[in-house]
C-alpha atoms as a PDB file:
ATOM      1  CA  MET A   1      -5.081  39.365 -16.773  1.00  0.00           C
ATOM      2  CA  GLY A   2      -6.399  41.596 -19.889  1.00  0.00           C
ATOM      3  CA  LYS A   3      -2.910  41.634 -21.938  1.00  0.00           C
ATOM      4  CA  ALA A   4      -2.961  37.604 -21.163  1.00  0.00           C
ATOM      5  CA  ILE A   5      -6.315  36.990 -22.626  1.00  0.00           C
ATOM      6  CA  LEU A   6      -5.252  38.887 -25.731  1.00  0.00           C
ATOM      7  CA  ALA A   7      -2.160  36.771 -25.797  1.00  0.00           C
ATOM      8  CA  ALA A   8      -4.158  33.599 -25.561  1.00  0.00           C
ATOM      9  CA  ALA A   9      -6.649  34.518 -27.926  1.00  0.00           C
ATOM     10  CA  ARG A  10      -3.929  35.002 -30.418  1.00  0.00           C
ATOM     11  CA  CYS A  11      -2.288  31.583 -30.053  1.00  0.00           C
ATOM     12  CA  ILE A  12      -5.877  29.946 -30.022  1.00  0.00           C
ATOM     13  CA  ARG A  13      -6.225  31.959 -33.467  1.00  0.00           C
ATOM     14  CA  ARG A  14      -2.860  30.359 -34.797  1.00  0.00           C
ATOM     15  CA  PHE A  15      -3.581  26.888 -33.691  1.00  0.00           C
ATOM     16  CA  ARG A  16      -7.234  26.518 -33.859  1.00  0.00           C
ATOM     17  CA  PRO A  17      -7.785  23.975 -31.607  1.00  0.00           C
ATOM     18  CA  HIS A  18     -10.902  21.446 -30.952  1.00  0.00           C
ATOM     19  CA  VAL A  19     -10.465  21.985 -27.210  1.00  0.00           C
ATOM     20  CA  LEU A  20      -8.178  23.347 -24.712  1.00  0.00           C
ATOM     21  CA  VAL A  21      -7.059  21.483 -21.677  1.00  0.00           C
ATOM     22  CA  GLY A  22      -6.213  23.386 -18.822  1.00  0.00           C
ATOM     23  CA  VAL A  23      -4.542  21.574 -15.590  1.00  0.00           C
ATOM     24  CA  GLY A  24      -5.207  24.140 -13.163  1.00  0.00           C
ATOM     25  CA  GLY A  25      -3.319  27.343 -11.357  1.00  0.00           C
ATOM     26  CA  TYR A  26      -2.875  30.633 -12.637  1.00  0.00           C
ATOM     27  CA  GLY A  27      -1.656  29.890 -16.032  1.00  0.00           C
ATOM     28  CA  THR A  28      -4.587  27.795 -17.295  1.00  0.00           C
ATOM     29  CA  VAL A  29      -7.431  31.322 -16.383  1.00  0.00           C
ATOM     30  CA  PRO A  30      -6.669  33.411 -19.852  1.00  0.00           C
ATOM     31  CA  PRO A  31      -6.585  30.230 -22.018  1.00  0.00           C
ATOM     32  CA  ALA A  32      -9.601  28.873 -20.675  1.00  0.00           C
ATOM     33  CA  LEU A  33     -11.432  32.730 -20.669  1.00  0.00           C
ATOM     34  CA  ALA A  34     -10.262  32.810 -24.299  1.00  0.00           C
ATOM     35  CA  ALA A  35     -11.394  29.874 -25.449  1.00  0.00           C
ATOM     36  CA  ARG A  36     -14.806  30.373 -23.894  1.00  0.00           C
ATOM     37  CA  ALA A  37     -14.868  34.178 -26.034  1.00  0.00           C
ATOM     38  CA  MET A  38     -14.200  32.510 -28.500  1.00  0.00           C
ATOM     39  CA  GLY A  39     -16.320  29.350 -29.201  1.00  0.00           C
ATOM     40  CA  VAL A  40     -13.547  27.102 -28.455  1.00  0.00           C
ATOM     41  CA  PRO A  41     -14.697  24.251 -25.257  1.00  0.00           C
ATOM     42  CA  PHE A  42     -12.053  23.400 -22.478  1.00  0.00           C
ATOM     43  CA  VAL A  43     -12.208  20.826 -20.332  1.00  0.00           C
ATOM     44  CA  LEU A  44     -10.282  20.755 -16.985  1.00  0.00           C
ATOM     45  CA  LEU A  45      -7.873  18.101 -15.232  1.00  0.00           C
ATOM     46  CA  GLU A  46      -7.905  18.174 -11.391  1.00  0.00           C
ATOM     47  CA  GLN A  47      -5.063  15.840 -10.058  1.00  0.00           C
ATOM     48  CA  ASN A  48      -6.005  16.906  -6.103  1.00  0.00           C
ATOM     49  CA  ALA A  49      -8.449  15.944  -3.289  1.00  0.00           C
ATOM     50  CA  ARG A  50      -9.117  19.528  -2.624  1.00  0.00           C
ATOM     51  CA  PRO A  51      -9.419  21.493  -5.873  1.00  0.00           C
ATOM     52  CA  GLY A  52      -7.335  24.550  -6.530  1.00  0.00           C
ATOM     53  CA  LYS A  53      -9.141  28.025  -7.265  1.00  0.00           C
ATOM     54  CA  ALA A  54      -8.457  28.280 -10.787  1.00  0.00           C
ATOM     55  CA  ASN A  55     -10.545  24.851 -11.237  1.00  0.00           C
ATOM     56  CA  ARG A  56     -13.036  26.131  -8.807  1.00  0.00           C
ATOM     57  CA  PHE A  57     -13.797  29.630 -11.138  1.00  0.00           C
ATOM     58  CA  LEU A  58     -13.616  27.765 -14.248  1.00  0.00           C
ATOM     59  CA  ALA A  59     -15.954  24.714 -13.394  1.00  0.00           C
ATOM     60  CA  PRO A  60     -18.986  26.291 -14.404  1.00  0.00           C
ATOM     61  CA  ALA A  61     -18.083  26.891 -17.836  1.00  0.00           C
ATOM     62  CA  ALA A  62     -16.163  23.644 -18.377  1.00  0.00           C
ATOM     63  CA  GLY A  63     -17.018  20.796 -21.142  1.00  0.00           C
ATOM     64  CA  ARG A  64     -15.659  18.445 -18.514  1.00  0.00           C
ATOM     65  CA  ILE A  65     -13.922  18.081 -15.379  1.00  0.00           C
ATOM     66  CA  TYR A  66     -11.513  14.782 -15.215  1.00  0.00           C
ATOM     67  CA  VAL A  67     -10.448  14.249 -11.473  1.00  0.00           C
ATOM     68  CA  GLN A  68      -8.311  11.647  -9.772  1.00  0.00           C
ATOM     69  CA  TRP A  69     -10.311  11.181  -6.635  1.00  0.00           C
ATOM     70  CA  ASP A  70     -14.037  10.841  -6.383  1.00  0.00           C
ATOM     71  CA  SER A  71     -13.917  12.832  -3.560  1.00  0.00           C
ATOM     72  CA  ALA A  72     -13.086  15.618  -5.739  1.00  0.00           C
ATOM     73  CA  ARG A  73     -16.756  15.687  -7.207  1.00  0.00           C
ATOM     74  CA  SER A  74     -18.337  17.399  -4.207  1.00  0.00           C
ATOM     75  CA  ALA A  75     -16.147  20.310  -4.756  1.00  0.00           C
ATOM     76  CA  PHE A  76     -17.574  21.014  -8.552  1.00  0.00           C
ATOM     77  CA  PRO A  77     -21.483  21.792  -6.925  1.00  0.00           C
ATOM     78  CA  GLY A  78     -23.921  21.843  -9.947  1.00  0.00           C
ATOM     79  CA  CYS A  79     -21.132  20.224 -12.328  1.00  0.00           C
ATOM     80  CA  GLY A  80     -22.813  16.506 -12.603  1.00  0.00           C
ATOM     81  CA  SER A  81     -22.040  14.406 -14.760  1.00  0.00           C
ATOM     82  CA  ARG A  82     -19.466  16.793 -16.496  1.00  0.00           C
ATOM     83  CA  VAL A  83     -17.258  15.501 -13.598  1.00  0.00           C
ATOM     84  CA  VAL A  84     -15.524  12.790 -14.448  1.00  0.00           C
ATOM     85  CA  ALA A  85     -13.304  10.291 -12.373  1.00  0.00           C
ATOM     86  CA  THR A  86     -10.422   9.010 -14.357  1.00  0.00           C
ATOM     87  CA  GLY A  87      -7.533   8.774 -12.136  1.00  0.00           C
ATOM     88  CA  SER A  88      -4.441  11.074 -13.006  1.00  0.00           C
ATOM     89  CA  PRO A  89      -2.453  10.042 -16.169  1.00  0.00           C
ATOM     90  CA  ILE A  90       0.994   9.100 -15.488  1.00  0.00           C
ATOM     91  CA  ARG A  91       4.105   8.125 -17.499  1.00  0.00           C
ATOM     92  CA  ALA A  92       3.577   5.480 -19.910  1.00  0.00           C
ATOM     93  CA  HIS A  93       7.054   4.425 -19.676  1.00  0.00           C
ATOM     94  CA  LEU A  94       6.632   3.336 -15.792  1.00  0.00           C
ATOM     95  CA  ARG A  95       6.419  -0.401 -15.528  1.00  0.00           C
ATOM     96  CA  ARG A  96       6.683  -2.800 -12.641  1.00  0.00           C
ATOM     97  CA  MET A  97       9.918  -5.053 -12.838  1.00  0.00           C
ATOM     98  CA  PRO A  98      10.947  -7.743 -10.826  1.00  0.00           C
ATOM     99  CA  ARG A  99      12.287  -6.725  -7.384  1.00  0.00           C
ATOM    100  CA  PRO A 100      15.607  -8.218  -7.422  1.00  0.00           C
ATOM    101  CA  ARG A 101      16.751  -6.709 -10.724  1.00  0.00           C
ATOM    102  CA  ALA A 102      15.409  -3.612  -9.334  1.00  0.00           C
ATOM    103  CA  LEU A 103      17.128  -3.583  -6.553  1.00  0.00           C
ATOM    104  CA  ARG A 104      20.901  -4.194  -8.790  1.00  0.00           C
ATOM    105  CA  ARG A 105      20.326  -0.897 -10.277  1.00  0.00           C
ATOM    106  CA  PHE A 106      21.212   0.798  -7.021  1.00  0.00           C
ATOM    107  CA  GLY A 107      23.668  -1.815  -6.003  1.00  0.00           C
ATOM    108  CA  LEU A 108      21.591  -3.589  -3.430  1.00  0.00           C
ATOM    109  CA  GLU A 109      20.625  -7.233  -2.763  1.00  0.00           C
ATOM    110  CA  ALA A 110      17.048  -8.515  -2.114  1.00  0.00           C
ATOM    111  CA  ASP A 111      18.188  -9.822   1.354  1.00  0.00           C
ATOM    112  CA  ARG A 112      16.194  -7.791   3.855  1.00  0.00           C
ATOM    113  CA  PRO A 113      13.202  -4.920   3.405  1.00  0.00           C
ATOM    114  CA  THR A 114      13.998  -1.910   1.768  1.00  0.00           C
ATOM    115  CA  LEU A 115      13.169   1.598   2.533  1.00  0.00           C
ATOM    116  CA  VAL A 116      13.148   3.845  -0.036  1.00  0.00           C
ATOM    117  CA  VAL A 117      13.047   7.983   1.052  1.00  0.00           C
ATOM    118  CA  VAL A 118      12.230  10.479  -1.557  1.00  0.00           C
ATOM    119  CA  GLY A 119      10.974  14.166  -1.133  1.00  0.00           C
ATOM    120  CA  GLY A 120      10.801  15.519  -4.971  1.00  0.00           C
ATOM    121  CA  SER A 121      13.210  16.993  -7.226  1.00  0.00           C
ATOM    122  CA  GLN A 122      14.037  19.393  -4.689  1.00  0.00           C
ATOM    123  CA  GLY A 123      14.390  16.995  -1.489  1.00  0.00           C
ATOM    124  CA  ALA A 124      13.028  17.502   1.628  1.00  0.00           C
ATOM    125  CA  ASP A 125      15.133  18.113   4.834  1.00  0.00           C
ATOM    126  CA  ALA A 126      12.176  16.997   7.028  1.00  0.00           C
ATOM    127  CA  LEU A 127      12.353  13.507   5.452  1.00  0.00           C
ATOM    128  CA  ASN A 128      15.809  13.478   5.077  1.00  0.00           C
ATOM    129  CA  HIS A 129      16.205  13.807   8.773  1.00  0.00           C
ATOM    130  CA  GLY A 130      12.964  11.931   9.697  1.00  0.00           C
ATOM    131  CA  ALA A 131      14.560   8.809   7.788  1.00  0.00           C
ATOM    132  CA  LEU A 132      17.833   8.890   9.788  1.00  0.00           C
ATOM    133  CA  ALA A 133      15.840   9.592  13.181  1.00  0.00           C
ATOM    134  CA  GLY A 134      13.447   6.758  12.098  1.00  0.00           C
ATOM    135  CA  LEU A 135      16.376   3.735  12.177  1.00  0.00           C
ATOM    136  CA  ASP A 136      16.065   3.000  15.673  1.00  0.00           C
ATOM    137  CA  GLY A 137      17.219  -0.731  16.601  1.00  0.00           C
ATOM    138  CA  THR A 138      16.918  -1.134  12.599  1.00  0.00           C
ATOM    139  CA  ALA A 139      19.554   0.330  10.755  1.00  0.00           C
ATOM    140  CA  SER A 140      21.622  -3.156  10.532  1.00  0.00           C
ATOM    141  CA  LYS A 141      18.383  -4.809   9.468  1.00  0.00           C
ATOM    142  CA  ILE A 142      17.144  -3.430   6.451  1.00  0.00           C
ATOM    143  CA  GLN A 143      18.625  -1.278   3.468  1.00  0.00           C
ATOM    144  CA  ILE A 144      17.609   2.229   1.929  1.00  0.00           C
ATOM    145  CA  ILE A 145      17.509   3.942  -0.955  1.00  0.00           C
ATOM    146  CA  HIS A 146      17.463   7.655  -0.435  1.00  0.00           C
ATOM    147  CA  VAL A 147      16.762  10.862  -2.909  1.00  0.00           C
ATOM    148  CA  THR A 148      18.010  13.564  -0.825  1.00  0.00           C
ATOM    149  CA  GLY A 149      17.934  16.550  -3.542  1.00  0.00           C
ATOM    150  CA  ALA A 150      20.395  18.020  -4.569  1.00  0.00           C
ATOM    151  CA  GLY A 151      23.810  18.658  -2.536  1.00  0.00           C
ATOM    152  CA  LYS A 152      22.723  16.915   0.212  1.00  0.00           C
ATOM    153  CA  VAL A 153      24.321  13.381  -0.790  1.00  0.00           C
ATOM    154  CA  GLU A 154      27.330  13.557   1.119  1.00  0.00           C
ATOM    155  CA  ALA A 155      25.781  14.540   4.436  1.00  0.00           C
ATOM    156  CA  VAL A 156      23.280  12.185   4.243  1.00  0.00           C
ATOM    157  CA  ARG A 157      25.331   9.390   3.108  1.00  0.00           C
ATOM    158  CA  ALA A 158      27.581  10.169   6.176  1.00  0.00           C
ATOM    159  CA  ALA A 159      24.662   9.818   8.793  1.00  0.00           C
ATOM    160  CA  TYR A 160      23.864   6.260   7.118  1.00  0.00           C
ATOM    161  CA  ARG A 161      27.164   5.001   7.566  1.00  0.00           C
ATOM    162  CA  GLU A 162      27.720   6.453  11.069  1.00  0.00           C
ATOM    163  CA  LYS A 163      24.538   4.443  11.940  1.00  0.00           C
ATOM    164  CA  GLY A 164      25.763   1.087   9.726  1.00  0.00           C
ATOM    165  CA  ALA A 165      23.053   1.111   7.532  1.00  0.00           C
ATOM    166  CA  ARG A 166      23.290  -0.568   4.130  1.00  0.00           C
ATOM    167  CA  ALA A 167      22.026   2.753   1.724  1.00  0.00           C
ATOM    168  CA  ALA A 168      22.168   3.757  -1.624  1.00  0.00           C
ATOM    169  CA  VAL A 169      22.356   7.543  -1.750  1.00  0.00           C
ATOM    170  CA  LEU A 170      21.183   9.672  -4.141  1.00  0.00           C
ATOM    171  CA  GLU A 171      20.773  13.273  -5.404  1.00  0.00           C
ATOM    172  CA  PHE A 172      18.246  12.553  -8.018  1.00  0.00           C
ATOM    173  CA  VAL A 173      16.720   9.203  -9.795  1.00  0.00           C
ATOM    174  CA  SER A 174      15.246   9.401 -12.833  1.00  0.00           C
ATOM    175  CA  GLU A 175      14.435   5.752 -13.272  1.00  0.00           C
ATOM    176  CA  MET A 176      11.185   5.894 -10.797  1.00  0.00           C
ATOM    177  CA  ASP A 177       9.772   2.752 -11.986  1.00  0.00           C
ATOM    178  CA  ALA A 178      13.037   0.811 -10.606  1.00  0.00           C
ATOM    179  CA  LEU A 179      12.342   2.959  -7.490  1.00  0.00           C
ATOM    180  CA  TYR A 180       9.149   1.733  -7.312  1.00  0.00           C
ATOM    181  CA  SER A 181       9.434  -2.115  -7.995  1.00  0.00           C
ATOM    182  CA  ALA A 182      12.452  -1.868  -5.352  1.00  0.00           C
ATOM    183  CA  ALA A 183      10.643  -0.530  -2.108  1.00  0.00           C
ATOM    184  CA  ASP A 184       8.802  -2.056   0.499  1.00  0.00           C
ATOM    185  CA  LEU A 185       8.212   0.810   1.552  1.00  0.00           C
ATOM    186  CA  LEU A 186       7.828   4.452   0.327  1.00  0.00           C
ATOM    187  CA  VAL A 187       8.466   7.748   2.440  1.00  0.00           C
ATOM    188  CA  SER A 188       6.980  10.541   0.325  1.00  0.00           C
ATOM    189  CA  ARG A 189       5.489  13.434  -0.044  1.00  0.00           C
ATOM    190  CA  ALA A 190       1.858  13.597  -0.835  1.00  0.00           C
ATOM    191  CA  GLY A 191       2.025  15.442  -4.459  1.00  0.00           C
ATOM    192  CA  ALA A 192      -1.001  14.375  -6.639  1.00  0.00           C
ATOM    193  CA  MET A 193       1.192  12.875  -9.076  1.00  0.00           C
ATOM    194  CA  ALA A 194       3.333  10.960  -6.694  1.00  0.00           C
ATOM    195  CA  ILE A 195      -0.031   9.231  -5.085  1.00  0.00           C
ATOM    196  CA  ALA A 196      -1.207   8.379  -8.651  1.00  0.00           C
ATOM    197  CA  GLU A 197       2.566   6.217  -9.363  1.00  0.00           C
ATOM    198  CA  ILE A 198       2.579   4.734  -5.982  1.00  0.00           C
ATOM    199  CA  SER A 199      -0.936   3.524  -5.894  1.00  0.00           C
ATOM    200  CA  ALA A 200       0.328   1.778  -9.532  1.00  0.00           C
ATOM    201  CA  PHE A 201       2.918   0.378  -8.422  1.00  0.00           C
ATOM    202  CA  GLU A 202       0.824  -0.288  -5.075  1.00  0.00           C
ATOM    203  CA  VAL A 203       4.017   0.795  -3.182  1.00  0.00           C
ATOM    204  CA  PRO A 204       3.085   0.848   0.795  1.00  0.00           C
ATOM    205  CA  SER A 205       4.118   4.474   1.457  1.00  0.00           C
ATOM    206  CA  VAL A 206       4.229   7.128   4.521  1.00  0.00           C
ATOM    207  CA  LEU A 207       2.624  10.207   2.896  1.00  0.00           C
ATOM    208  CA  VAL A 208       4.379  13.461   4.544  1.00  0.00           C
ATOM    209  CA  PRO A 209       1.958  16.670   3.389  1.00  0.00           C
ATOM    210  CA  ILE A 210       3.949  19.949   3.214  1.00  0.00           C
ATOM    211  CA  PRO A 211       2.675  21.758   5.688  1.00  0.00           C
ATOM    212  CA  ARG A 212       2.094  24.861   3.189  1.00  0.00           C
ATOM    213  CA  SER A 213       1.233  23.457   0.573  1.00  0.00           C
ATOM    214  CA  SER A 214      -2.158  26.163  -1.631  1.00  0.00           C
ATOM    215  CA  GLY A 215      -5.187  25.543  -0.103  1.00  0.00           C
ATOM    216  CA  ASP A 216      -3.595  22.444   2.273  1.00  0.00           C
ATOM    217  CA  HIS A 217      -4.073  19.925  -0.544  1.00  0.00           C
ATOM    218  CA  GLN A 218      -0.804  17.639   0.158  1.00  0.00           C
ATOM    219  CA  ARG A 219      -2.954  16.725   3.296  1.00  0.00           C
ATOM    220  CA  GLU A 220      -6.265  16.165   1.535  1.00  0.00           C
ATOM    221  CA  ASN A 221      -4.314  13.826  -0.812  1.00  0.00           C
ATOM    222  CA  ALA A 222      -3.009  12.101   1.932  1.00  0.00           C
ATOM    223  CA  ARG A 223      -6.261  11.504   3.823  1.00  0.00           C
ATOM    224  CA  ALA A 224      -8.057  10.688   1.231  1.00  0.00           C
ATOM    225  CA  VAL A 225      -5.651   7.462   0.900  1.00  0.00           C
ATOM    226  CA  ALA A 226      -5.053   6.861   4.433  1.00  0.00           C
ATOM    227  CA  ARG A 227      -8.871   6.900   5.271  1.00  0.00           C
ATOM    228  CA  ALA A 228      -8.934   3.650   3.092  1.00  0.00           C
ATOM    229  CA  GLY A 229      -5.916   1.925   4.277  1.00  0.00           C
ATOM    230  CA  GLY A 230      -3.417   2.209   1.446  1.00  0.00           C
ATOM    231  CA  ALA A 231      -0.398   4.704   3.175  1.00  0.00           C
ATOM    232  CA  VAL A 232      -0.009   6.461   6.625  1.00  0.00           C
ATOM    233  CA  LEU A 233      -0.102   9.788   7.241  1.00  0.00           C
ATOM    234  CA  MET A 234       2.894  11.334   9.116  1.00  0.00           C
ATOM    235  CA  GLU A 235       3.060  14.999   9.869  1.00  0.00           C
ATOM    236  CA  GLU A 236       6.700  16.127   9.476  1.00  0.00           C
ATOM    237  CA  ALA A 237       6.978  17.144  13.113  1.00  0.00           C
ATOM    238  CA  ASP A 238       5.919  13.344  13.662  1.00  0.00           C
ATOM    239  CA  CYS A 239       8.312  12.347  11.303  1.00  0.00           C
ATOM    240  CA  LEU A 240      11.395  14.163  13.383  1.00  0.00           C
ATOM    241  CA  ALA A 241      10.837  13.194  16.165  1.00  0.00           C
ATOM    242  CA  GLY A 242      10.880   9.278  15.015  1.00  0.00           C
ATOM    243  CA  GLY A 243       7.490   8.298  14.220  1.00  0.00           C
ATOM    244  CA  LEU A 244       9.009   6.596  11.513  1.00  0.00           C
ATOM    245  CA  ALA A 245      10.390   4.169  14.040  1.00  0.00           C
ATOM    246  CA  PRO A 246       7.816   1.426  14.906  1.00  0.00           C
ATOM    247  CA  LEU A 247       6.751   1.515  11.502  1.00  0.00           C
ATOM    248  CA  LEU A 248      10.400   0.235  10.205  1.00  0.00           C
ATOM    249  CA  ARG A 249      10.235  -2.420  13.215  1.00  0.00           C
ATOM    250  CA  LYS A 250       6.968  -3.882  11.352  1.00  0.00           C
ATOM    251  CA  LEU A 251       8.976  -4.108   8.431  1.00  0.00           C
ATOM    252  CA  VAL A 252      11.483  -5.672   9.669  1.00  0.00           C
ATOM    253  CA  SER A 253       9.537  -8.573  11.402  1.00  0.00           C
ATOM    254  CA  GLY A 254       7.306  -8.826   8.391  1.00  0.00           C
ATOM    255  CA  ASP A 255       4.094  -7.669   9.537  1.00  0.00           C
ATOM    256  CA  ALA A 256       1.079  -8.237   7.366  1.00  0.00           C
ATOM    257  CA  MET A 257       0.124  -4.124   7.424  1.00  0.00           C
ATOM    258  CA  PHE A 258       1.980  -3.912   4.562  1.00  0.00           C
ATOM    259  CA  ASP A 259       0.433  -6.643   2.210  1.00  0.00           C
ATOM    260  CA  ASN A 260      -2.740  -5.135   3.425  1.00  0.00           C
ATOM    261  CA  MET A 261      -1.920  -1.499   2.686  1.00  0.00           C
ATOM    262  CA  ARG A 262      -0.510  -2.922  -0.702  1.00  0.00           C
ATOM    263  CA  LYS A 263      -4.301  -4.168  -1.277  1.00  0.00           C
ATOM    264  CA  HIS A 264      -6.263  -0.811  -0.118  1.00  0.00           C
ATOM    265  CA  LEU A 265      -3.974   0.818  -2.596  1.00  0.00           C
ATOM    266  CA  LYS A 266      -5.995  -0.929  -5.445  1.00  0.00           C
ATOM    267  CA  PRO A 267      -8.701   0.753  -6.141  1.00  0.00           C
ATOM    268  CA  PHE A 268      -6.719   4.459  -6.784  1.00  0.00           C
ATOM    269  CA  ALA A 269      -4.404   2.686  -9.013  1.00  0.00           C
ATOM    270  CA  ARG A 270      -5.830   4.236 -12.576  1.00  0.00           C
ATOM    271  CA  PRO A 271      -2.794   3.016 -14.908  1.00  0.00           C
ATOM    272  CA  ARG A 272      -5.363   3.860 -18.013  1.00  0.00           C
ATOM    273  CA  ALA A 273      -6.215   7.049 -16.676  1.00  0.00           C
ATOM    274  CA  ALA A 274      -4.905   8.757 -19.634  1.00  0.00           C
ATOM    275  CA  ARG A 275      -6.901   6.301 -22.258  1.00  0.00           C
ATOM    276  CA  ALA A 276      -9.982   7.031 -20.214  1.00  0.00           C
ATOM    277  CA  ILE A 277      -9.547  10.542 -20.535  1.00  0.00           C
ATOM    278  CA  LEU A 278      -9.096  11.033 -24.309  1.00  0.00           C
ATOM    279  CA  ASP A 279     -11.718   8.266 -24.614  1.00  0.00           C
ATOM    280  CA  ASP A 280     -14.391  10.368 -23.031  1.00  0.00           C
ATOM    281  CA  LEU A 281     -13.046  13.390 -24.758  1.00  0.00           C
ATOM    282  CA  GLY A 282     -13.394  11.936 -28.078  1.00  0.00           C
ATOM    283  CA  GLU A 283     -17.039  11.163 -27.119  1.00  0.00           C
ATOM    284  CA  PHE A 284     -17.672  14.808 -26.172  1.00  0.00           C
ATOM    285  CA  LEU A 285     -16.391  16.376 -29.047  1.00  0.00           C
ATOM    286  CA  VAL A 286     -18.365  14.552 -31.370  1.00  0.00           C
ATOM    287  CA  ARG A 287     -21.668  15.444 -29.468  1.00  0.00           C
END
């Protein structure tokens, strides 16, 4: 730790920043401590509903703590107005596009409901198998865009083919705006950034937390959205046991629950979060 603080101090001395921004995790601690010792203010970004240890440790000395979730305020006792709920910054190029155009990017048509399954850049076997298990009587009535992760495309593609499902199966997708715009229902992990983007696009979702995420933060993220009615929280075991099947039957039948989920996602959508943080940071620095 001592060596890391000294290395951070050298960088700060060379760069001479007006403020240091920490985004959590162990890597934030040495620079933040070095900045404080050198009289440089630091602020923190906390994207999860349950803050991590590093941000909780640094919070008493932070000039600002920008949180995605109002519920995260209680995790920073004594910080008062220094905790600002701004939402989480998302990539500026992400913009909703017409659903038919988005579907054409994946070789699909707009004639049936679309399920999107994505387990992050590394994929997720539980989501891969769970989506297939959920096709109980609906395989011929929906279409699927499935992002499998590395090395899993052929097996998943063959499984959909065997079930008679129309599916675009890909290892990785860079055009997330097209993916979100195509989705009538999304199955995803419950990372903070994923939820920020899902909310911005108002995509009804099934959130499946990683069972062993640090501090169980993914489950807390999913709970925050599910309690508001914007998503369904589903555990891995339930997903694998065919827990998606009843939801897919509702999707095929045009159940109103999905429109209601979109409405309940609106309060979580903060597409201007980055601008809100920059504006507040500017005010903080001139005080």
